[in-house]
Protein backbone atom coordinates (compact mmCIF):
# COMPACT_ATOMS: atom_id res chain seq x y z
CA MET A 1 16.14 6.66 -7.23
CA GLY A 2 17.88 4.02 -9.27
CA PRO A 3 16.43 0.73 -10.44
CA ARG A 4 15.48 -1.72 -7.73
CA PRO A 5 17.94 -4.63 -7.56
CA GLN A 6 16.34 -8.03 -8.04
CA LYS A 7 17.33 -10.27 -5.16
CA GLN A 8 16.06 -13.61 -3.97
CA PRO A 9 14.65 -14.02 -0.46
CA ARG A 10 17.19 -15.38 2.00
CA ARG A 11 14.74 -17.15 4.28
CA PRO A 12 11.01 -17.78 4.53
CA LEU A 13 8.87 -15.29 6.41
CA ASP A 14 8.20 -16.10 10.03
CA PRO A 15 4.70 -17.62 10.41
CA HIS A 16 4.35 -15.54 13.60
CA PRO A 17 4.70 -11.98 12.28
CA VAL A 18 6.34 -9.29 14.37
CA THR A 19 3.84 -6.74 15.66
CA THR A 20 6.10 -3.74 16.22
CA LEU A 21 7.21 -1.48 13.40
CA GLY A 22 11.01 -1.62 13.64
CA PRO A 23 11.47 -5.38 13.84
CA GLN A 24 8.84 -5.90 11.15
CA LEU A 25 10.63 -3.52 8.79
CA ARG A 26 13.90 -5.33 9.44
CA ALA A 27 12.31 -8.75 8.85
CA ILE A 28 10.81 -7.57 5.54
CA ARG A 29 14.10 -6.01 4.39
CA GLU A 30 16.12 -9.09 5.29
CA ASN A 31 13.57 -11.41 3.67
CA ILE A 32 13.81 -9.45 0.43
CA GLY A 33 17.60 -9.62 0.72
CA PHE A 34 18.29 -5.89 0.90
CA THR A 35 21.01 -4.42 3.08
CA LEU A 36 20.73 -1.03 4.78
CA PRO A 37 23.04 0.51 2.13
CA ASP A 38 20.80 -1.00 -0.58
CA MET A 39 17.86 0.84 0.96
CA ASP A 40 19.78 4.12 0.97
CA ALA A 41 20.45 3.69 -2.76
CA ILE A 42 16.90 2.56 -3.59
CA CYS A 43 14.71 4.97 -1.65
CA GLY A 44 17.09 7.59 -0.31
CA LEU A 45 16.64 6.85 3.38
CA GLN A 46 19.97 7.05 5.18
CA THR A 47 21.48 3.89 6.63
CA GLY A 48 21.74 5.33 10.15
CA TYR A 49 18.10 6.45 10.15
CA LEU A 50 16.88 3.05 8.96
CA SER A 51 19.04 1.30 11.53
CA GLN A 52 17.53 3.39 14.34
CA LEU A 53 14.06 2.76 12.96
CA GLU A 54 14.57 -1.00 12.79
CA ARG A 55 15.98 -1.09 16.34
CA GLY A 56 12.97 0.81 17.70
CA ARG A 57 14.85 3.98 18.59
CA ILE A 58 12.60 5.84 16.17
CA GLN A 59 9.07 4.64 16.79
CA LYS A 60 6.93 7.06 14.83
CA PRO A 61 8.49 7.97 11.48
CA SER A 62 6.66 10.43 9.26
CA PRO A 63 3.97 9.19 6.87
CA ASP A 64 6.31 10.19 4.01
CA VAL A 65 8.98 7.79 5.27
CA LEU A 66 6.40 5.04 5.72
CA ALA A 67 5.12 5.64 2.19
CA LYS A 68 8.65 5.23 0.78
CA LEU A 69 9.14 2.02 2.73
CA ALA A 70 5.73 0.64 1.76
CA GLU A 71 6.44 1.31 -1.91
CA THR A 72 9.97 -0.12 -1.78
CA TYR A 73 8.95 -3.22 0.18
CA GLN A 74 5.63 -3.55 -1.67
CA VAL A 75 3.67 -3.80 1.57
CA ASP A 76 0.46 -2.15 2.77
CA PHE A 77 1.01 1.50 3.72
CA THR A 78 -1.99 1.47 6.08
CA HIS A 79 -0.50 -1.43 8.05
CA LEU A 80 2.80 0.43 8.49
CA MET A 81 0.88 3.52 9.61
CA GLN A 82 -0.95 1.46 12.24
CA LEU A 83 2.27 -0.12 13.49
CA ALA A 84 3.77 3.38 13.85
CA GLY A 85 0.84 4.40 16.05
CA TYR A 86 -1.09 6.55 13.59
CA LYS A 87 -4.87 6.39 13.69
CA VAL A 88 -6.14 4.92 10.46
CA PRO A 89 -9.85 4.89 9.64
CA PRO A 90 -11.35 1.45 9.14
CA PRO A 91 -12.02 0.47 5.54
CA LYS A 92 -15.44 1.43 4.26
CA PRO A 93 -17.74 -1.47 3.46
CA PRO A 94 -18.67 -1.75 -0.19
CA ILE A 95 -21.90 -0.05 -1.18
CA LYS A 96 -24.55 -2.46 -2.39
CA ARG A 97 -25.99 -1.15 -5.63
CA HIS A 98 -29.26 -2.54 -6.89
CA THR A 99 -29.58 -0.52 -10.08
CA LEU A 100 -28.16 -1.44 -13.45
CA GLU A 101 -25.95 1.64 -13.29
CA GLY A 102 -24.68 0.67 -9.85
CA GLN A 103 -23.84 -2.86 -10.92
CA ALA A 104 -21.94 -1.54 -13.93
CA LEU A 105 -19.97 0.84 -11.69
CA ASP A 106 -19.11 -1.95 -9.27
CA ALA A 107 -17.73 -4.07 -12.09
CA THR A 108 -14.94 -1.65 -12.99
CA ALA A 109 -13.11 1.38 -11.65
CA LEU A 110 -14.32 4.36 -13.67
CA THR A 111 -13.48 8.03 -13.56
CA ALA A 112 -16.26 10.49 -12.76
CA ARG A 113 -16.47 11.46 -16.44
CA GLU A 114 -16.68 7.80 -17.51
CA GLU A 115 -19.49 7.27 -14.99
CA GLN A 116 -21.44 10.18 -16.46
CA GLU A 117 -20.97 8.88 -20.01
CA LEU A 118 -22.04 5.40 -18.94
CA PHE A 119 -25.18 6.77 -17.25
CA ARG A 120 -26.07 8.74 -20.39
CA TYR A 121 -25.59 5.69 -22.56
CA LEU A 122 -27.64 3.42 -20.31
CA HIS A 123 -30.47 5.94 -20.10
CA LEU A 124 -30.46 6.30 -23.88
CA ILE A 125 -30.73 2.54 -24.32
CA LEU A 126 -33.52 2.30 -21.73
CA ARG A 127 -35.49 5.14 -23.40
CA GLU A 128 -35.20 3.46 -26.78
CA LYS A 129 -36.49 0.17 -25.34
CA GLY A 130 -39.62 1.63 -24.19
């Protein structure tokens, strides 16, 4: 994949978004200002395949294709999956944490190892306090 060309949008997005995959993909591509050949060069999806997808002749592309498009267009992958008819689990509600450790974990995205180190440090501080 080569560098993504920087283009200016040609027209504002429609305030009434399209609810089927193909036309929505076409609207996004045209709004960004990419042509079908641009997309072939950027993400390696052939012009003919993208054309069929945008016209609705291909209605359920693979998740790999949708991932490439989501990354290229900088749109939500889950939304494209839903438009293609894939079942997507609903987002999990955030867990309410009432402990000091839980509040610290909610404040930042930590790796499992960082969580363990943070717990050790907090427990050390609490033991020293009393």
